[in-house]
Amino acid sequence: MAFPRISHDPAVMGGKTCIRGLRITVGTIVGLMASGSSRERILQAYPLLEPADIDETLAYAAWRMEEREEALVLS
């Protein structure tokens, strides 16, 4: 799966995934959305972001969750 707006550079933000090489991490945006911040508020807080950045950030996070292996807990 391709995510052209998501970047990963060991020299930027300690190698965390960022949006378009900016110092705005995927985790920051996902965390803001999860805590109830609106898209409009996030775009105001981070004026370099574009609406498509938020869309792709959420798609990337969902994709990463699908790729993560979880240990089964038998009860």
N, C-alpha and C. Protein backbone atom coordinates (compact mmCIF):
# COMPACT_ATOMS: atom_id res chain seq x y z
N MET A 1 0.85 -1.17 0.00
CA MET A 1 0.00 0.00 0.00
C MET A 1 0.89 1.24 0.00
N ALA A 2 0.56 2.21 -0.81
CA ALA A 2 1.38 3.42 -0.93
C ALA A 2 0.75 4.57 -0.15
N PHE A 3 1.61 5.30 0.56
CA PHE A 3 1.19 6.47 1.32
C PHE A 3 2.17 7.61 1.01
N PRO A 4 1.98 8.30 -0.10
CA PRO A 4 2.95 9.31 -0.52
C PRO A 4 3.07 10.50 0.44
N ARG A 5 2.09 10.74 1.26
CA ARG A 5 2.16 11.87 2.20
C ARG A 5 2.83 11.49 3.52
N ILE A 6 3.10 10.21 3.73
CA ILE A 6 3.72 9.74 4.96
C ILE A 6 5.21 9.51 4.70
N SER A 7 6.03 10.07 5.58
CA SER A 7 7.48 9.93 5.40
C SER A 7 8.10 9.34 6.66
N HIS A 8 9.25 8.74 6.43
CA HIS A 8 10.01 8.14 7.53
C HIS A 8 11.47 8.44 7.29
N ASP A 9 12.04 9.27 8.15
CA ASP A 9 13.44 9.67 8.01
C ASP A 9 14.07 9.60 9.40
N PRO A 10 15.10 8.77 9.57
CA PRO A 10 15.74 8.66 10.88
C PRO A 10 16.26 9.99 11.43
N ALA A 11 16.49 10.97 10.55
CA ALA A 11 17.01 12.27 10.99
C ALA A 11 15.90 13.25 11.39
N VAL A 12 14.64 12.86 11.22
CA VAL A 12 13.52 13.76 11.54
C VAL A 12 12.68 13.11 12.64
N MET A 13 12.49 13.81 13.73
CA MET A 13 11.65 13.37 14.85
C MET A 13 12.04 11.98 15.35
N GLY A 14 13.31 11.72 15.37
CA GLY A 14 13.78 10.44 15.89
C GLY A 14 13.36 9.23 15.08
N GLY A 15 13.03 9.45 13.82
CA GLY A 15 12.65 8.35 12.94
C GLY A 15 11.18 7.99 12.99
N LYS A 16 10.38 8.76 13.74
CA LYS A 16 8.94 8.49 13.76
C LYS A 16 8.34 8.85 12.41
N THR A 17 7.23 8.19 12.07
CA THR A 17 6.58 8.52 10.81
C THR A 17 5.97 9.92 10.91
N CYS A 18 6.21 10.69 9.87
CA CYS A 18 5.77 12.08 9.82
C CYS A 18 4.92 12.31 8.58
N ILE A 19 4.37 13.49 8.50
CA ILE A 19 3.55 13.87 7.38
C ILE A 19 4.35 14.78 6.46
N ARG A 20 4.56 14.33 5.22
CA ARG A 20 5.25 15.07 4.17
C ARG A 20 6.60 15.63 4.61
N GLY A 21 7.32 14.93 5.45
CA GLY A 21 8.64 15.39 5.88
C GLY A 21 8.58 16.51 6.90
N LEU A 22 7.39 16.92 7.29
CA LEU A 22 7.24 17.95 8.31
C LEU A 22 7.53 17.32 9.67
N ARG A 23 7.72 18.13 10.65
CA ARG A 23 7.98 17.63 12.00
C ARG A 23 6.65 17.45 12.75
N ILE A 24 5.68 16.90 12.04
CA ILE A 24 4.37 16.58 12.60
C ILE A 24 4.20 15.08 12.44
N THR A 25 4.14 14.38 13.56
CA THR A 25 4.10 12.91 13.48
C THR A 25 2.68 12.39 13.27
N VAL A 26 2.64 11.21 12.69
CA VAL A 26 1.38 10.50 12.53
C VAL A 26 0.74 10.30 13.90
N GLY A 27 1.54 9.92 14.88
CA GLY A 27 1.03 9.70 16.22
C GLY A 27 0.39 10.93 16.83
N THR A 28 0.94 12.10 16.56
CA THR A 28 0.36 13.34 17.08
C THR A 28 -1.04 13.55 16.53
N ILE A 29 -1.18 13.39 15.22
CA ILE A 29 -2.48 13.63 14.59
C ILE A 29 -3.49 12.57 15.01
N VAL A 30 -3.09 11.32 15.04
CA VAL A 30 -4.00 10.25 15.47
C VAL A 30 -4.41 10.48 16.92
N GLY A 31 -3.48 10.87 17.76
CA GLY A 31 -3.79 11.14 19.16
C GLY A 31 -4.76 12.29 19.33
N LEU A 32 -4.57 13.34 18.55
CA LEU A 32 -5.50 14.47 18.61
C LEU A 32 -6.90 14.06 18.18
N MET A 33 -6.98 13.29 17.10
CA MET A 33 -8.28 12.82 16.63
C MET A 33 -8.94 11.93 17.69
N ALA A 34 -8.15 11.05 18.28
CA ALA A 34 -8.69 10.13 19.29
C ALA A 34 -9.18 10.86 20.53
N SER A 35 -8.56 12.00 20.84
CA SER A 35 -8.97 12.75 22.03
C SER A 35 -10.11 13.71 21.75
N GLY A 36 -10.61 13.69 20.51
CA GLY A 36 -11.79 14.49 20.20
C GLY A 36 -11.56 15.78 19.45
N SER A 37 -10.32 16.08 19.11
CA SER A 37 -10.07 17.30 18.33
C SER A 37 -10.68 17.17 16.94
N SER A 38 -11.29 18.22 16.48
CA SER A 38 -11.88 18.20 15.14
C SER A 38 -10.80 18.39 14.08
N ARG A 39 -11.12 17.98 12.88
CA ARG A 39 -10.20 18.18 11.76
C ARG A 39 -9.89 19.66 11.61
N GLU A 40 -10.91 20.49 11.75
CA GLU A 40 -10.74 21.93 11.58
C GLU A 40 -9.78 22.49 12.63
N ARG A 41 -9.92 22.02 13.87
CA ARG A 41 -9.04 22.49 14.95
C ARG A 41 -7.60 22.06 14.69
N ILE A 42 -7.41 20.83 14.22
CA ILE A 42 -6.06 20.34 13.91
C ILE A 42 -5.44 21.16 12.78
N LEU A 43 -6.22 21.45 11.75
CA LEU A 43 -5.71 22.24 10.63
C LEU A 43 -5.38 23.67 11.07
N GLN A 44 -6.12 24.20 12.03
CA GLN A 44 -5.80 25.52 12.57
C GLN A 44 -4.51 25.48 13.38
N ALA A 45 -4.35 24.43 14.17
CA ALA A 45 -3.18 24.30 15.03
C ALA A 45 -1.90 24.02 14.23
N TYR A 46 -2.06 23.36 13.10
CA TYR A 46 -0.92 23.00 12.24
C TYR A 46 -1.19 23.52 10.83
N PRO A 47 -0.95 24.81 10.60
CA PRO A 47 -1.32 25.42 9.31
C PRO A 47 -0.61 24.84 8.09
N LEU A 48 0.48 24.11 8.27
CA LEU A 48 1.16 23.50 7.13
C LEU A 48 0.45 22.23 6.65
N LEU A 49 -0.44 21.70 7.49
CA LEU A 49 -1.19 20.50 7.10
C LEU A 49 -2.29 20.84 6.11
N GLU A 50 -2.61 19.85 5.30
CA GLU A 50 -3.71 19.95 4.35
C GLU A 50 -4.74 18.88 4.74
N PRO A 51 -6.01 19.08 4.39
CA PRO A 51 -7.03 18.07 4.73
C PRO A 51 -6.64 16.66 4.28
N ALA A 52 -6.03 16.54 3.11
CA ALA A 52 -5.63 15.22 2.61
C ALA A 52 -4.57 14.57 3.50
N ASP A 53 -3.79 15.39 4.22
CA ASP A 53 -2.79 14.83 5.14
C ASP A 53 -3.48 14.08 6.27
N ILE A 54 -4.56 14.63 6.78
CA ILE A 54 -5.28 13.96 7.86
C ILE A 54 -5.91 12.67 7.35
N ASP A 55 -6.50 12.72 6.16
CA ASP A 55 -7.09 11.51 5.58
C ASP A 55 -6.05 10.40 5.45
N GLU A 56 -4.89 10.76 4.92
CA GLU A 56 -3.87 9.74 4.70
C GLU A 56 -3.25 9.27 6.02
N THR A 57 -3.16 10.15 6.98
CA THR A 57 -2.65 9.76 8.30
C THR A 57 -3.54 8.70 8.93
N LEU A 58 -4.84 8.90 8.86
CA LEU A 58 -5.77 7.93 9.43
C LEU A 58 -5.75 6.62 8.66
N ALA A 59 -5.64 6.70 7.34
CA ALA A 59 -5.56 5.49 6.52
C ALA A 59 -4.27 4.72 6.83
N TYR A 60 -3.17 5.44 7.00
CA TYR A 60 -1.89 4.81 7.33
C TYR A 60 -1.97 4.11 8.70
N ALA A 61 -2.53 4.81 9.68
CA ALA A 61 -2.64 4.23 11.02
C ALA A 61 -3.50 2.97 11.01
N ALA A 62 -4.60 3.01 10.27
CA ALA A 62 -5.47 1.83 10.17
C ALA A 62 -4.73 0.69 9.50
N TRP A 63 -3.99 0.98 8.45
CA TRP A 63 -3.22 -0.04 7.74
C TRP A 63 -2.17 -0.66 8.66
N ARG A 64 -1.48 0.18 9.43
CA ARG A 64 -0.46 -0.33 10.34
C ARG A 64 -1.06 -1.24 11.40
N MET A 65 -2.24 -0.91 11.86
CA MET A 65 -2.90 -1.76 12.86
C MET A 65 -3.25 -3.12 12.26
N GLU A 66 -3.61 -3.16 11.02
CA GLU A 66 -3.92 -4.43 10.36
C GLU A 66 -2.67 -5.27 10.17
N GLU A 67 -1.53 -4.63 10.03
CA GLU A 67 -0.27 -5.34 9.79
C GLU A 67 0.39 -5.81 11.07
N ARG A 68 -0.09 -5.37 12.20
CA ARG A 68 0.52 -5.70 13.47
C ARG A 68 0.05 -7.07 13.95
N GLU A 69 0.98 -7.85 14.39
CA GLU A 69 0.62 -9.18 14.89
C GLU A 69 0.34 -9.09 16.38
N GLU A 70 -0.73 -9.72 16.79
CA GLU A 70 -1.11 -9.75 18.20
C GLU A 70 -1.06 -11.19 18.70
N ALA A 71 -0.59 -11.36 19.90
CA ALA A 71 -0.58 -12.69 20.51
C ALA A 71 -2.00 -13.04 20.94
N LEU A 72 -2.39 -14.27 20.69
CA LEU A 72 -3.71 -14.73 21.09
C LEU A 72 -3.67 -15.07 22.58
N VAL A 73 -4.71 -14.67 23.26
CA VAL A 73 -4.84 -14.98 24.67
C VAL A 73 -5.95 -16.01 24.81
N LEU A 74 -5.56 -17.18 25.27
CA LEU A 74 -6.54 -18.25 25.45
C LEU A 74 -7.05 -18.21 26.89
N SER A 75 -8.35 -18.30 27.02
CA SER A 75 -8.91 -18.27 28.39
C SER A 75 -9.68 -19.54 28.68
